Amino acid sequence: MKKCYVWLSFFALTTGIWLWPGTTAAQISLRSYQALAYTSELGVAAGGAEYFGDLNTHYGWHAVKASGGIFYRKLFSPYVAARLEAELAQLGYSDVYNKNEFQHRRNLSFNTMIWEITLMGEFNFFRFVPGSEYHRFTPYLAFGVGFFHFNPYAYYQGQKYYLQPLGTEGQGSFLYPDRKPYALQALCFPVGAGIKYNLGRNLDIGLEAIHRFTTSDYLDDVSTTYVGITAFPPKPNGQPSVAAILQDRSNWNGQPAIGTPGRQRGNSLTKDQYIFVQLTFSVLFSNYRCPTL
């Protein structure tokens, strides 16, 4: 009987020793895999930008210009992320693209650089897990808030003139005390959608269209009514000032000017907007946590 107990004890001991390393190794391997967590991304975006406003009232795509930026994306879960982004873009438009008779005759145009910083939340439609075989693609929605700087300008006789200091709608004139110079900074509210795909453990690509609603109606230097050429003092030699010339450009083609005081120049009831359509490329960063056995 003693021999039987000895053999049973020996069998149990050797079996335990044989099983213990394998089980522990499996646990360590599983937990080490689970300890790999993707926490954030750093990326770049590049594409086109288009403006919508008093010169582009029908959402035409005639003046798409370049845009680009960098972003940092914080991953909270397979469905939710937050993104901080800095963008640089050019916007512009011209009445030459408009088929409406009044707008075409108005003959206004502008360009501006946009410097923007935004904070957006992203919400994935599908579970998105970088490095996974089955969860590496998803469409997503994005929206948030941002701050941007702009400074519209136009050209006359080959020379560039910034329009805000000129007060083309009577801003700063004693004849129109209620019209103050507009600010060159404003808020924007980005709303849009995109798709992203994980190429591997450390690289994501995407395509997105993010529309910006703004709190400014002066991206294009156009908002209210004409104030007429008499609101702009002439030069000492009696010639009209640059401000007087640029506030009403309808006579540049030889036709009579249409900028009589009080005539509609823009639509102050709507704010200007712009959109970025961009490709994105981002590098993923992971975090290793010590597994608890």
Protein backbone atom coordinates (compact mmCIF):
# COMPACT_ATOMS: atom_id res chain seq x y z
CA MET A 1 0.00 0.00 0.00
CA LYS A 2 2.88 2.38 0.84
CA LYS A 3 4.39 1.79 -2.60
CA CYS A 4 1.06 2.67 -4.21
CA TYR A 5 0.88 6.01 -2.37
CA VAL A 6 4.48 6.76 -3.31
CA TRP A 7 3.83 6.13 -7.01
CA LEU A 8 0.63 8.20 -6.97
CA SER A 9 2.42 11.09 -5.29
CA PHE A 10 5.28 10.89 -7.78
CA PHE A 11 2.82 10.83 -10.73
CA ALA A 12 0.89 13.85 -9.44
CA LEU A 13 4.09 15.81 -8.83
CA THR A 14 5.59 15.14 -12.26
CA THR A 15 2.29 15.83 -14.03
CA GLY A 16 1.96 19.15 -12.21
CA ILE A 17 5.51 20.14 -13.07
CA TRP A 18 4.92 19.21 -16.71
CA LEU A 19 1.63 21.12 -16.98
CA TRP A 20 2.58 24.22 -14.97
CA PRO A 21 5.15 25.75 -17.36
CA GLY A 22 2.89 25.27 -20.40
CA THR A 23 -0.11 26.84 -18.70
CA THR A 24 1.94 29.75 -17.41
CA ALA A 25 3.51 30.33 -20.82
CA ALA A 26 0.09 30.35 -22.45
CA GLN A 27 -1.22 32.80 -19.87
CA ILE A 28 1.81 35.05 -20.30
CA SER A 29 1.51 34.92 -24.09
CA LEU A 30 -2.20 35.76 -24.03
CA ARG A 31 -1.84 38.53 -21.50
CA SER A 32 1.21 39.95 -23.26
CA TYR A 33 -0.81 40.11 -26.47
CA GLN A 34 -3.65 41.82 -24.64
CA ALA A 35 -1.17 44.23 -23.04
CA LEU A 36 -0.38 45.70 -26.49
CA ALA A 37 -2.71 48.72 -26.69
CA TYR A 38 -2.81 51.32 -29.47
CA THR A 39 -3.16 54.64 -27.72
CA SER A 40 -2.66 57.39 -30.31
CA GLU A 41 -1.71 58.41 -33.84
CA LEU A 42 0.31 61.21 -35.41
CA GLY A 43 -0.52 62.01 -38.99
CA VAL A 44 -0.67 64.37 -41.95
CA ALA A 45 -3.56 65.40 -44.18
CA ALA A 46 -3.46 66.83 -47.71
CA GLY A 47 -6.05 67.64 -50.34
CA GLY A 48 -8.33 70.37 -51.61
CA ALA A 49 -10.34 73.22 -50.09
CA GLU A 50 -13.42 75.03 -51.40
CA TYR A 51 -15.24 78.13 -50.15
CA PHE A 52 -19.01 78.71 -50.04
CA GLY A 53 -20.52 82.12 -49.37
CA ASP A 54 -21.68 85.37 -50.97
CA LEU A 55 -19.63 84.77 -54.11
CA ASN A 56 -20.34 81.04 -54.30
CA THR A 57 -24.00 80.76 -53.38
CA HIS A 58 -24.71 77.61 -55.41
CA TYR A 59 -21.92 75.46 -53.95
CA GLY A 60 -19.85 75.41 -57.11
CA TRP A 61 -16.48 73.64 -57.27
CA HIS A 62 -14.73 76.06 -59.64
CA ALA A 63 -11.94 77.26 -57.35
CA VAL A 64 -10.62 74.25 -55.44
CA LYS A 65 -7.32 75.17 -53.80
CA ALA A 66 -4.69 73.32 -51.77
CA SER A 67 -4.97 72.41 -48.10
CA GLY A 68 -2.80 70.45 -45.69
CA GLY A 69 -2.22 69.87 -42.03
CA ILE A 70 -0.99 67.71 -39.19
CA PHE A 71 -3.04 66.00 -36.51
CA TYR A 72 -2.82 64.02 -33.31
CA ARG A 73 -5.51 61.39 -32.70
CA LYS A 74 -6.17 59.94 -29.25
CA LEU A 75 -7.80 56.49 -29.29
CA PHE A 76 -10.23 55.86 -26.46
CA SER A 77 -11.89 52.67 -27.75
CA PRO A 78 -12.44 50.77 -31.03
CA TYR A 79 -15.35 53.15 -31.67
CA VAL A 80 -14.34 56.55 -30.26
CA ALA A 81 -11.36 58.88 -30.78
CA ALA A 82 -10.52 62.58 -30.43
CA ARG A 83 -8.39 64.58 -32.84
CA LEU A 84 -6.44 67.81 -32.48
CA GLU A 85 -5.54 69.26 -35.88
CA ALA A 86 -3.71 72.26 -37.33
CA GLU A 87 -4.49 73.19 -40.95
CA LEU A 88 -3.19 75.62 -43.55
CA ALA A 89 -5.28 76.21 -46.67
CA GLN A 90 -6.03 78.71 -49.40
CA LEU A 91 -9.57 79.77 -50.28
CA GLY A 92 -10.83 81.98 -53.06
CA TYR A 93 -13.56 82.60 -55.59
CA SER A 94 -14.62 84.99 -58.33
CA ASP A 95 -17.90 86.20 -59.78
CA VAL A 96 -16.66 85.18 -63.23
CA TYR A 97 -17.84 81.65 -62.36
CA ASN A 98 -21.41 82.79 -61.61
CA LYS A 99 -24.17 82.46 -64.20
CA ASN A 100 -26.52 84.73 -62.27
CA GLU A 101 -26.62 88.05 -64.18
CA PHE A 102 -26.24 90.30 -61.14
CA GLN A 103 -23.46 88.23 -59.57
CA HIS A 104 -21.54 88.02 -62.83
CA ARG A 105 -21.89 91.77 -63.37
CA ARG A 106 -20.82 92.45 -59.75
CA ASN A 107 -17.35 91.11 -60.70
CA LEU A 108 -16.00 90.67 -57.16
CA SER A 109 -13.25 88.23 -56.22
CA PHE A 110 -11.01 87.36 -53.30
CA ASN A 111 -8.34 85.02 -51.98
CA THR A 112 -7.28 84.29 -48.44
CA MET A 113 -5.03 82.00 -46.47
CA ILE A 114 -6.68 80.05 -43.66
CA TRP A 115 -4.77 79.15 -40.50
CA GLU A 116 -6.91 76.81 -38.44
CA ILE A 117 -6.80 74.67 -35.31
CA THR A 118 -9.66 72.29 -34.48
CA LEU A 119 -10.64 69.72 -31.88
CA MET A 120 -12.93 66.99 -33.15
CA GLY A 121 -14.51 63.80 -31.90
CA GLU A 122 -14.57 60.76 -34.20
CA PHE A 123 -17.15 57.99 -34.00
CA ASN A 124 -16.57 54.78 -35.96
CA PHE A 125 -19.43 52.84 -37.52
CA PHE A 126 -17.55 49.54 -37.15
CA ARG A 127 -15.21 48.18 -34.53
CA PHE A 128 -11.74 49.41 -35.51
CA VAL A 129 -8.72 47.51 -34.17
CA PRO A 130 -5.34 48.23 -35.81
CA GLY A 131 -3.42 45.05 -36.55
CA SER A 132 -6.59 42.96 -36.53
CA GLU A 133 -7.47 40.75 -39.47
CA TYR A 134 -11.20 41.47 -39.34
CA HIS A 135 -11.50 44.98 -37.85
CA ARG A 136 -9.17 47.11 -39.97
CA PHE A 137 -11.72 49.22 -41.90
CA THR A 138 -14.49 51.60 -40.87
CA PRO A 139 -16.43 54.67 -41.98
CA TYR A 140 -16.65 57.37 -39.32
CA LEU A 141 -18.35 60.63 -38.43
CA ALA A 142 -16.46 63.65 -37.10
CA PHE A 143 -17.53 66.93 -35.57
CA GLY A 144 -16.12 69.53 -33.21
CA VAL A 145 -15.07 73.15 -32.86
CA GLY A 146 -12.18 75.22 -34.14
CA PHE A 147 -10.58 78.64 -34.41
CA PHE A 148 -9.20 80.14 -37.61
CA HIS A 149 -7.51 83.25 -38.99
CA PHE A 150 -8.14 84.72 -42.43
CA ASN A 151 -7.27 87.93 -44.31
CA PRO A 152 -8.97 88.40 -47.70
CA TYR A 153 -7.15 90.15 -50.52
CA ALA A 154 -7.62 91.05 -54.18
CA TYR A 155 -5.44 92.24 -57.04
CA TYR A 156 -5.63 95.54 -58.90
CA GLN A 157 -3.25 96.34 -61.74
CA GLY A 158 -1.05 93.44 -60.66
CA GLN A 159 -0.73 94.60 -57.05
CA LYS A 160 -2.05 92.75 -54.02
CA TYR A 161 -4.34 94.64 -51.61
CA TYR A 162 -5.71 93.34 -48.32
CA LEU A 163 -9.39 94.24 -48.23
CA GLN A 164 -10.23 94.53 -44.53
CA PRO A 165 -8.22 97.76 -43.97
CA LEU A 166 -9.93 99.35 -46.99
CA GLY A 167 -13.42 99.16 -45.43
CA THR A 168 -15.08 98.27 -48.73
CA GLU A 169 -18.56 98.26 -47.15
CA GLY A 170 -18.07 101.46 -45.18
CA GLN A 171 -16.43 99.92 -42.11
CA GLY A 172 -14.71 102.64 -40.12
CA SER A 173 -16.35 105.49 -42.05
CA PHE A 174 -18.06 108.26 -40.08
CA LEU A 175 -20.92 107.95 -42.60
CA TYR A 176 -21.60 104.40 -41.34
CA PRO A 177 -20.85 104.41 -37.60
CA ASP A 178 -22.68 101.11 -37.11
CA ARG A 179 -20.28 99.27 -39.45
CA LYS A 180 -17.14 98.36 -37.58
CA PRO A 181 -14.07 96.68 -39.13
CA TYR A 182 -14.62 92.95 -39.05
CA ALA A 183 -12.37 90.62 -37.07
CA LEU A 184 -9.85 88.48 -38.94
CA GLN A 185 -10.39 85.56 -36.55
CA ALA A 186 -13.54 83.49 -36.07
CA LEU A 187 -14.86 80.17 -34.83
CA CYS A 188 -15.64 77.24 -37.07
CA PHE A 189 -17.67 74.11 -36.46
CA PRO A 190 -16.38 71.15 -38.51
CA VAL A 191 -18.85 68.40 -39.42
CA GLY A 192 -18.13 65.56 -41.81
CA ALA A 193 -17.38 61.94 -42.52
CA GLY A 194 -14.61 59.72 -43.73
CA ILE A 195 -13.28 56.21 -44.11
CA LYS A 196 -10.06 54.76 -42.73
CA TYR A 197 -8.12 51.56 -43.29
CA ASN A 198 -5.33 50.02 -41.27
CA LEU A 199 -2.45 48.95 -43.53
CA GLY A 200 -0.59 47.22 -40.74
CA ARG A 201 0.17 47.45 -37.09
CA ASN A 202 1.58 50.97 -37.36
CA LEU A 203 -0.01 52.75 -40.34
CA ASP A 204 -3.52 54.03 -41.13
CA ILE A 205 -4.75 55.74 -44.28
CA GLY A 206 -8.04 57.54 -44.82
CA LEU A 207 -10.18 59.78 -46.99
CA GLU A 208 -12.48 62.40 -45.48
CA ALA A 209 -14.64 65.42 -46.27
CA ILE A 210 -15.05 67.83 -43.35
CA HIS A 211 -17.31 70.87 -43.83
CA ARG A 212 -16.68 74.00 -41.76
CA PHE A 213 -19.55 76.24 -40.68
CA THR A 214 -18.17 79.58 -39.47
CA THR A 215 -19.23 82.56 -37.38
CA SER A 216 -17.92 85.07 -39.96
CA ASP A 217 -19.56 86.50 -43.07
CA TYR A 218 -16.39 88.21 -44.26
CA LEU A 219 -14.11 85.46 -45.56
CA ASP A 220 -14.82 87.01 -48.97
CA ASP A 221 -15.04 90.66 -47.73
CA VAL A 222 -18.69 90.67 -48.85
CA SER A 223 -21.71 90.81 -46.55
CA THR A 224 -24.13 93.74 -46.72
CA THR A 225 -24.74 96.64 -49.15
CA TYR A 226 -22.79 99.05 -51.31
CA VAL A 227 -22.04 102.40 -49.73
CA GLY A 228 -21.21 104.21 -52.97
CA ILE A 229 -18.04 105.85 -54.21
CA THR A 230 -18.71 109.07 -52.28
CA ALA A 231 -18.00 107.24 -49.01
CA PHE A 232 -14.33 106.95 -50.05
CA PRO A 233 -12.32 110.18 -50.13
CA PRO A 234 -10.37 110.59 -53.39
CA LYS A 235 -6.61 110.84 -53.62
CA PRO A 236 -4.98 114.30 -53.45
CA ASN A 237 -4.84 114.35 -57.25
CA GLY A 238 -8.58 113.78 -57.46
CA GLN A 239 -8.34 110.17 -58.62
CA PRO A 240 -10.46 107.52 -56.84
CA SER A 241 -8.73 105.63 -54.03
CA VAL A 242 -7.97 101.91 -54.20
CA ALA A 243 -10.79 101.32 -51.69
CA ALA A 244 -13.27 103.11 -53.97
CA ILE A 245 -12.13 101.04 -56.94
CA LEU A 246 -12.21 97.67 -55.20
CA GLN A 247 -15.55 98.15 -53.43
CA ASP A 248 -17.37 98.20 -56.80
CA ARG A 249 -15.69 96.43 -59.70
CA SER A 250 -18.74 96.19 -61.94
CA ASN A 251 -17.40 98.90 -64.26
CA TRP A 252 -14.07 97.19 -64.94
CA ASN A 253 -15.40 95.79 -68.21
CA GLY A 254 -16.54 99.21 -69.44
CA GLN A 255 -20.17 98.98 -68.31
CA PRO A 256 -21.79 101.47 -65.90
CA ALA A 257 -21.13 100.82 -62.21
CA ILE A 258 -23.95 99.17 -60.23
CA GLY A 259 -22.72 100.01 -56.72
CA THR A 260 -25.25 102.65 -55.72
CA PRO A 261 -25.58 103.29 -51.96
CA GLY A 262 -27.89 100.77 -50.29
CA ARG A 263 -27.89 98.25 -53.15
CA GLN A 264 -27.35 94.67 -52.10
CA ARG A 265 -23.72 93.58 -52.31
CA GLY A 266 -23.94 90.36 -50.28
CA ASN A 267 -26.26 88.45 -47.98
CA SER A 268 -25.71 89.24 -44.31
CA LEU A 269 -28.25 86.61 -43.22
CA THR A 270 -25.89 83.71 -43.95
CA LYS A 271 -22.35 82.98 -42.76
CA ASP A 272 -19.48 81.82 -44.94
CA GLN A 273 -18.39 78.19 -45.04
CA TYR A 274 -15.59 76.06 -46.41
CA ILE A 275 -14.77 72.38 -46.80
CA PHE A 276 -11.61 70.27 -46.81
CA VAL A 277 -11.50 67.01 -48.80
CA GLN A 278 -8.28 65.25 -47.84
CA LEU A 279 -6.27 62.07 -47.75
CA THR A 280 -4.84 61.22 -44.33
CA PHE A 281 -1.78 59.18 -43.35
CA SER A 282 -1.00 58.42 -39.72
CA VAL A 283 1.50 56.43 -37.67
CA LEU A 284 0.18 54.51 -34.67
CA PHE A 285 1.74 54.45 -31.22
CA SER A 286 1.25 51.55 -28.82
CA ASN A 287 1.66 51.09 -25.11
CA TYR A 288 2.89 47.94 -23.33
CA ARG A 289 1.54 47.35 -19.84
CA CYS A 290 3.08 44.81 -17.46
CA PRO A 291 0.73 41.80 -17.25
CA THR A 292 -0.50 40.72 -13.82
CA LEU A 293 -0.36 36.95 -13.44
